[in-house]
Amino acid sequence: DVFSRRVVGWELGESLQTSLALVA
């Protein structure tokens, strides 16, 4: 969140998959 500098979503995986970005 650029306004508050707060991390509002994240996900960790072994490769760059689309599912990681969707989960975040």
PDB file of all heavy atoms in Angstrom:
ATOM      1  N   ASP A   1       0.858  -1.177   0.000  1.00  0.00           N
ATOM      2  CA  ASP A   1       0.000   0.000   0.000  1.00  0.00           C
ATOM      3  C   ASP A   1       0.897   1.230   0.000  1.00  0.00           C
ATOM      4  O   ASP A   1       1.540   1.551   0.995  1.00  0.00           O
ATOM      5  CB  ASP A   1      -0.890  -0.010   1.248  1.00  0.00           C
ATOM      6  CG  ASP A   1      -1.856   1.159   1.283  1.00  0.00           C
ATOM      7  OD1 ASP A   1      -1.736   2.065   0.432  1.00  0.00           O
ATOM      8  OD2 ASP A   1      -2.722   1.182   2.168  1.00  0.00           O
ATOM      9  N   VAL A   2       0.949   1.929  -1.120  1.00  0.00           N
ATOM     10  CA  VAL A   2       1.870   3.053  -1.257  1.00  0.00           C
ATOM     11  C   VAL A   2       1.519   4.178  -0.292  1.00  0.00           C
ATOM     12  O   VAL A   2       2.392   4.885   0.203  1.00  0.00           O
ATOM     13  CB  VAL A   2       1.878   3.560  -2.713  1.00  0.00           C
ATOM     14  CG1 VAL A   2       2.761   4.789  -2.862  1.00  0.00           C
ATOM     15  CG2 VAL A   2       2.372   2.460  -3.640  1.00  0.00           C
ATOM     16  N   PHE A   3       0.244   4.353   0.011  1.00  0.00           N
ATOM     17  CA  PHE A   3      -0.177   5.443   0.891  1.00  0.00           C
ATOM     18  C   PHE A   3       0.393   5.285   2.299  1.00  0.00           C
ATOM     19  O   PHE A   3       0.932   6.224   2.882  1.00  0.00           O
ATOM     20  CB  PHE A   3      -1.701   5.506   0.950  1.00  0.00           C
ATOM     21  CG  PHE A   3      -2.237   6.529   1.911  1.00  0.00           C
ATOM     22  CD1 PHE A   3      -2.111   7.879   1.647  1.00  0.00           C
ATOM     23  CD2 PHE A   3      -2.856   6.133   3.081  1.00  0.00           C
ATOM     24  CE1 PHE A   3      -2.590   8.827   2.526  1.00  0.00           C
ATOM     25  CE2 PHE A   3      -3.339   7.071   3.980  1.00  0.00           C
ATOM     26  CZ  PHE A   3      -3.208   8.422   3.705  1.00  0.00           C
ATOM     27  N   SER A   4       0.294   4.083   2.851  1.00  0.00           N
ATOM     28  CA  SER A   4       0.733   3.848   4.229  1.00  0.00           C
ATOM     29  C   SER A   4       2.059   3.096   4.325  1.00  0.00           C
ATOM     30  O   SER A   4       2.544   2.887   5.433  1.00  0.00           O
ATOM     31  CB  SER A   4      -0.337   3.068   4.993  1.00  0.00           C
ATOM     32  OG  SER A   4      -0.478   1.757   4.459  1.00  0.00           O
ATOM     33  N   ARG A   5       2.628   2.687   3.193  1.00  0.00           N
ATOM     34  CA  ARG A   5       3.860   1.887   3.159  1.00  0.00           C
ATOM     35  C   ARG A   5       3.665   0.524   3.830  1.00  0.00           C
ATOM     36  O   ARG A   5       4.629  -0.102   4.261  1.00  0.00           O
ATOM     37  CB  ARG A   5       5.023   2.620   3.848  1.00  0.00           C
ATOM     38  CG  ARG A   5       5.264   4.027   3.373  1.00  0.00           C
ATOM     39  CD  ARG A   5       5.706   4.089   1.920  1.00  0.00           C
ATOM     40  NE  ARG A   5       6.363   5.337   1.620  1.00  0.00           N
ATOM     41  CZ  ARG A   5       5.754   6.470   1.299  1.00  0.00           C
ATOM     42  NH1 ARG A   5       4.431   6.489   1.245  1.00  0.00           N
ATOM     43  NH2 ARG A   5       6.432   7.553   1.015  1.00  0.00           N
ATOM     44  N   ARG A   6       2.469   0.063   3.915  1.00  0.00           N
ATOM     45  CA  ARG A   6       2.184  -1.187   4.609  1.00  0.00           C
ATOM     46  C   ARG A   6       2.129  -2.354   3.622  1.00  0.00           C
ATOM     47  O   ARG A   6       1.520  -2.250   2.553  1.00  0.00           O
ATOM     48  CB  ARG A   6       0.844  -1.084   5.339  1.00  0.00           C
ATOM     49  CG  ARG A   6       0.442  -2.339   6.081  1.00  0.00           C
ATOM     50  CD  ARG A   6      -0.938  -2.181   6.693  1.00  0.00           C
ATOM     51  NE  ARG A   6      -1.398  -3.404   7.332  1.00  0.00           N
ATOM     52  CZ  ARG A   6      -2.628  -3.587   7.796  1.00  0.00           C
ATOM     53  NH1 ARG A   6      -3.511  -2.608   7.723  1.00  0.00           N
ATOM     54  NH2 ARG A   6      -2.968  -4.728   8.354  1.00  0.00           N
ATOM     55  N   VAL A   7       2.746  -3.459   3.980  1.00  0.00           N
ATOM     56  CA  VAL A   7       2.635  -4.683   3.182  1.00  0.00           C
ATOM     57  C   VAL A   7       1.283  -5.309   3.495  1.00  0.00           C
ATOM     58  O   VAL A   7       1.026  -5.738   4.617  1.00  0.00           O
ATOM     59  CB  VAL A   7       3.768  -5.670   3.511  1.00  0.00           C
ATOM     60  CG1 VAL A   7       3.592  -6.952   2.704  1.00  0.00           C
ATOM     61  CG2 VAL A   7       5.119  -5.042   3.216  1.00  0.00           C
ATOM     62  N   VAL A   8       0.419  -5.355   2.517  1.00  0.00           N
ATOM     63  CA  VAL A   8      -0.944  -5.841   2.746  1.00  0.00           C
ATOM     64  C   VAL A   8      -1.174  -7.239   2.198  1.00  0.00           C
ATOM     65  O   VAL A   8      -2.198  -7.858   2.496  1.00  0.00           O
ATOM     66  CB  VAL A   8      -1.975  -4.866   2.134  1.00  0.00           C
ATOM     67  CG1 VAL A   8      -1.964  -3.542   2.872  1.00  0.00           C
ATOM     68  CG2 VAL A   8      -1.716  -4.641   0.649  1.00  0.00           C
ATOM     69  N   GLY A   9      -0.239  -7.739   1.406  1.00  0.00           N
ATOM     70  CA  GLY A   9      -0.373  -9.094   0.878  1.00  0.00           C
ATOM     71  C   GLY A   9       0.970  -9.628   0.415  1.00  0.00           C
ATOM     72  O   GLY A   9       1.779  -8.878  -0.141  1.00  0.00           O
ATOM     73  N   TRP A  10       1.221 -10.900   0.672  1.00  0.00           N
ATOM     74  CA  TRP A  10       2.473 -11.499   0.226  1.00  0.00           C
ATOM     75  C   TRP A  10       2.315 -13.012   0.129  1.00  0.00           C
ATOM     76  O   TRP A  10       1.420 -13.597   0.711  1.00  0.00           O
ATOM     77  CB  TRP A  10       3.617 -11.155   1.181  1.00  0.00           C
ATOM     78  CG  TRP A  10       3.459 -11.748   2.547  1.00  0.00           C
ATOM     79  CD1 TRP A  10       2.691 -11.248   3.564  1.00  0.00           C
ATOM     80  CD2 TRP A  10       4.045 -12.954   3.036  1.00  0.00           C
ATOM     81  NE1 TRP A  10       2.766 -12.071   4.660  1.00  0.00           N
ATOM     82  CE2 TRP A  10       3.595 -13.118   4.378  1.00  0.00           C
ATOM     83  CE3 TRP A  10       4.912 -13.912   2.496  1.00  0.00           C
ATOM     84  CZ2 TRP A  10       3.987 -14.200   5.164  1.00  0.00           C
ATOM     85  CZ3 TRP A  10       5.302 -14.989   3.272  1.00  0.00           C
ATOM     86  CH2 TRP A  10       4.847 -15.118   4.588  1.00  0.00           C
ATOM     87  N   GLU A  11       3.222 -13.616  -0.627  1.00  0.00           N
ATOM     88  CA  GLU A  11       3.252 -15.070  -0.751  1.00  0.00           C
ATOM     89  C   GLU A  11       4.677 -15.484  -1.126  1.00  0.00           C
ATOM     90  O   GLU A  11       5.405 -14.715  -1.778  1.00  0.00           O
ATOM     91  CB  GLU A  11       2.258 -15.559  -1.794  1.00  0.00           C
ATOM     92  CG  GLU A  11       2.176 -17.063  -1.956  1.00  0.00           C
ATOM     93  CD  GLU A  11       1.910 -17.776  -0.641  1.00  0.00           C
ATOM     94  OE1 GLU A  11       0.881 -17.479   0.020  1.00  0.00           O
ATOM     95  OE2 GLU A  11       2.737 -18.615  -0.263  1.00  0.00           O
ATOM     96  N   LEU A  12       5.069 -16.669  -0.714  1.00  0.00           N
ATOM     97  CA  LEU A  12       6.426 -17.160  -0.923  1.00  0.00           C
ATOM     98  C   LEU A  12       6.367 -18.494  -1.649  1.00  0.00           C
ATOM     99  O   LEU A  12       5.554 -19.354  -1.320  1.00  0.00           O
ATOM    100  CB  LEU A  12       7.151 -17.322   0.419  1.00  0.00           C
ATOM    101  CG  LEU A  12       8.601 -17.800   0.386  1.00  0.00           C
ATOM    102  CD1 LEU A  12       9.481 -16.754  -0.283  1.00  0.00           C
ATOM    103  CD2 LEU A  12       9.085 -18.097   1.802  1.00  0.00           C
ATOM    104  N   GLY A  13       7.231 -18.661  -2.640  1.00  0.00           N
ATOM    105  CA  GLY A  13       7.274 -19.908  -3.385  1.00  0.00           C
ATOM    106  C   GLY A  13       8.648 -20.152  -3.967  1.00  0.00           C
ATOM    107  O   GLY A  13       9.537 -19.289  -3.878  1.00  0.00           O
ATOM    108  N   GLU A  14       8.846 -21.317  -4.573  1.00  0.00           N
ATOM    109  CA  GLU A  14      10.140 -21.692  -5.131  1.00  0.00           C
ATOM    110  C   GLU A  14      10.347 -21.151  -6.536  1.00  0.00           C
ATOM    111  O   GLU A  14      11.478 -21.157  -7.043  1.00  0.00           O
ATOM    112  CB  GLU A  14      10.286 -23.214  -5.138  1.00  0.00           C
ATOM    113  CG  GLU A  14      10.258 -23.841  -3.744  1.00  0.00           C
ATOM    114  CD  GLU A  14      10.430 -25.339  -3.778  1.00  0.00           C
ATOM    115  OE1 GLU A  14      10.556 -25.887  -4.906  1.00  0.00           O
ATOM    116  OE2 GLU A  14      10.439 -25.974  -2.710  1.00  0.00           O
ATOM    117  N   SER A  15       9.288 -20.685  -7.188  1.00  0.00           N
ATOM    118  CA  SER A  15       9.409 -20.146  -8.542  1.00  0.00           C
ATOM    119  C   SER A  15       8.392 -19.026  -8.727  1.00  0.00           C
ATOM    120  O   SER A  15       7.442 -18.900  -7.952  1.00  0.00           O
ATOM    121  CB  SER A  15       9.194 -21.253  -9.584  1.00  0.00           C
ATOM    122  OG  SER A  15       7.874 -21.780  -9.480  1.00  0.00           O
ATOM    123  N   LEU A  16       8.605 -18.231  -9.767  1.00  0.00           N
ATOM    124  CA  LEU A  16       7.702 -17.120 -10.049  1.00  0.00           C
ATOM    125  C   LEU A  16       6.485 -17.648 -10.804  1.00  0.00           C
ATOM    126  O   LEU A  16       6.501 -17.756 -12.041  1.00  0.00           O
ATOM    127  CB  LEU A  16       8.425 -16.043 -10.862  1.00  0.00           C
ATOM    128  CG  LEU A  16       9.507 -15.260 -10.124  1.00  0.00           C
ATOM    129  CD1 LEU A  16      10.184 -14.262 -11.066  1.00  0.00           C
ATOM    130  CD2 LEU A  16       8.914 -14.532  -8.929  1.00  0.00           C
ATOM    131  N   GLN A  17       5.455 -17.964 -10.096  1.00  0.00           N
ATOM    132  CA  GLN A  17       4.225 -18.462 -10.694  1.00  0.00           C
ATOM    133  C   GLN A  17       3.136 -17.403 -10.575  1.00  0.00           C
ATOM    134  O   GLN A  17       3.133 -16.586  -9.660  1.00  0.00           O
ATOM    135  CB  GLN A  17       3.768 -19.740  -9.986  1.00  0.00           C
ATOM    136  CG  GLN A  17       4.809 -20.832  -9.936  1.00  0.00           C
ATOM    137  CD  GLN A  17       4.365 -21.999  -9.083  1.00  0.00           C
ATOM    138  OE1 GLN A  17       3.227 -22.066  -8.623  1.00  0.00           O
ATOM    139  NE2 GLN A  17       5.261 -22.943  -8.866  1.00  0.00           N
ATOM    140  N   THR A  18       2.197 -17.462 -11.501  1.00  0.00           N
ATOM    141  CA  THR A  18       1.072 -16.525 -11.441  1.00  0.00           C
ATOM    142  C   THR A  18       0.269 -16.719 -10.171  1.00  0.00           C
ATOM    143  O   THR A  18      -0.266 -15.766  -9.599  1.00  0.00           O
ATOM    144  CB  THR A  18       0.157 -16.729 -12.668  1.00  0.00           C
ATOM    145  OG1 THR A  18       0.935 -16.606 -13.865  1.00  0.00           O
ATOM    146  CG2 THR A  18      -0.946 -15.691 -12.692  1.00  0.00           C
ATOM    147  N   SER A  19       0.196 -17.955  -9.689  1.00  0.00           N
ATOM    148  CA  SER A  19      -0.585 -18.229  -8.491  1.00  0.00           C
ATOM    149  C   SER A  19      -0.040 -17.470  -7.285  1.00  0.00           C
ATOM    150  O   SER A  19      -0.802 -17.069  -6.398  1.00  0.00           O
ATOM    151  CB  SER A  19      -0.593 -19.731  -8.198  1.00  0.00           C
ATOM    152  OG  SER A  19       0.728 -20.217  -8.013  1.00  0.00           O
ATOM    153  N   LEU A  20       1.273 -17.245  -7.214  1.00  0.00           N
ATOM    154  CA  LEU A  20       1.851 -16.493  -6.107  1.00  0.00           C
ATOM    155  C   LEU A  20       1.320 -15.069  -6.087  1.00  0.00           C
ATOM    156  O   LEU A  20       0.939 -14.544  -5.040  1.00  0.00           O
ATOM    157  CB  LEU A  20       3.381 -16.481  -6.205  1.00  0.00           C
ATOM    158  CG  LEU A  20       4.100 -17.817  -6.061  1.00  0.00           C
ATOM    159  CD1 LEU A  20       5.601 -17.619  -6.204  1.00  0.00           C
ATOM    160  CD2 LEU A  20       3.774 -18.453  -4.719  1.00  0.00           C
ATOM    161  N   ALA A  21       1.308 -14.433  -7.250  1.00  0.00           N
ATOM    162  CA  ALA A  21       0.816 -13.062  -7.329  1.00  0.00           C
ATOM    163  C   ALA A  21      -0.677 -12.990  -7.017  1.00  0.00           C
ATOM    164  O   ALA A  21      -1.145 -12.041  -6.383  1.00  0.00           O
ATOM    165  CB  ALA A  21       1.089 -12.490  -8.724  1.00  0.00           C
ATOM    166  N   LEU A  22      -1.434 -14.015  -7.429  1.00  0.00           N
ATOM    167  CA  LEU A  22      -2.873 -14.020  -7.149  1.00  0.00           C
ATOM    168  C   LEU A  22      -3.150 -14.232  -5.667  1.00  0.00           C
ATOM    169  O   LEU A  22      -4.043 -13.604  -5.099  1.00  0.00           O
ATOM    170  CB  LEU A  22      -3.551 -15.112  -7.973  1.00  0.00           C
ATOM    171  CG  LEU A  22      -3.620 -14.869  -9.482  1.00  0.00           C
ATOM    172  CD1 LEU A  22      -4.207 -16.078 -10.195  1.00  0.00           C
ATOM    173  CD2 LEU A  22      -4.453 -13.629  -9.789  1.00  0.00           C
ATOM    174  N   VAL A  23      -2.386 -15.097  -5.021  1.00  0.00           N
ATOM    175  CA  VAL A  23      -2.562 -15.315  -3.583  1.00  0.00           C
ATOM    176  C   VAL A  23      -2.226 -14.044  -2.808  1.00  0.00           C
ATOM    177  O   VAL A  23      -2.931 -13.667  -1.864  1.00  0.00           O
ATOM    178  CB  VAL A  23      -1.698 -16.494  -3.115  1.00  0.00           C
ATOM    179  CG1 VAL A  23      -1.703 -16.590  -1.590  1.00  0.00           C
ATOM    180  CG2 VAL A  23      -2.201 -17.794  -3.713  1.00  0.00           C
ATOM    181  N   ALA A  24      -1.132 -13.389  -3.194  1.00  0.00           N
ATOM    182  CA  ALA A  24      -0.768 -12.134  -2.530  1.00  0.00           C
ATOM    183  C   ALA A  24      -1.859 -11.089  -2.708  1.00  0.00           C
ATOM    184  O   ALA A  24      -2.195 -10.352  -1.763  1.00  0.00           O
ATOM    185  CB  ALA A  24       0.556 -11.627  -3.097  1.00  0.00           C
TER     186      ALA A  24
END
